[in-house]
Amino acid sequence: MKIDVQRESGIAREIGQHEVSLGAIKENLELYKESLRKSWDADETIHMTHAMELIQTSIGRVASSLRGIESDIISTANAIRQEEDAKEAAEIAAREAAMKQLKNSPHTK
């Protein structure tokens, strides 16, 4: 059974949507961080905003990884499909060559 490139690409796009969602979360965290800085003046604010920045950095790394995974799934599915098609074409060519050789064989005349 051949790989279903459309199905695999759909799965990859779902992963890509998680990357988009993480981007939105990262933006919301930035808004919250800015709001916190403006509305609360305490030593703890520095620690909280630093923690939020670390979280944003982690979210960015995960989002980047998801983008790479999405791309890898699509390119791998396409490569597998090309290999399957090439193998099938080679098998057909081999069968046709064998049939042609059989027809031209002196034993079949």
Foldseek 3Di string as FASTA:
>chain_A
DAQDLVVLLVVLVVLLVVLVVLVVVLVVLVVVLVVCVVPDDDPVNVVVSVVSVVVSVVSVVSSVVSNVVSVVSNVVSVVRNVVVVVVVVVVVVVVVVVVVCVVVDPVVD
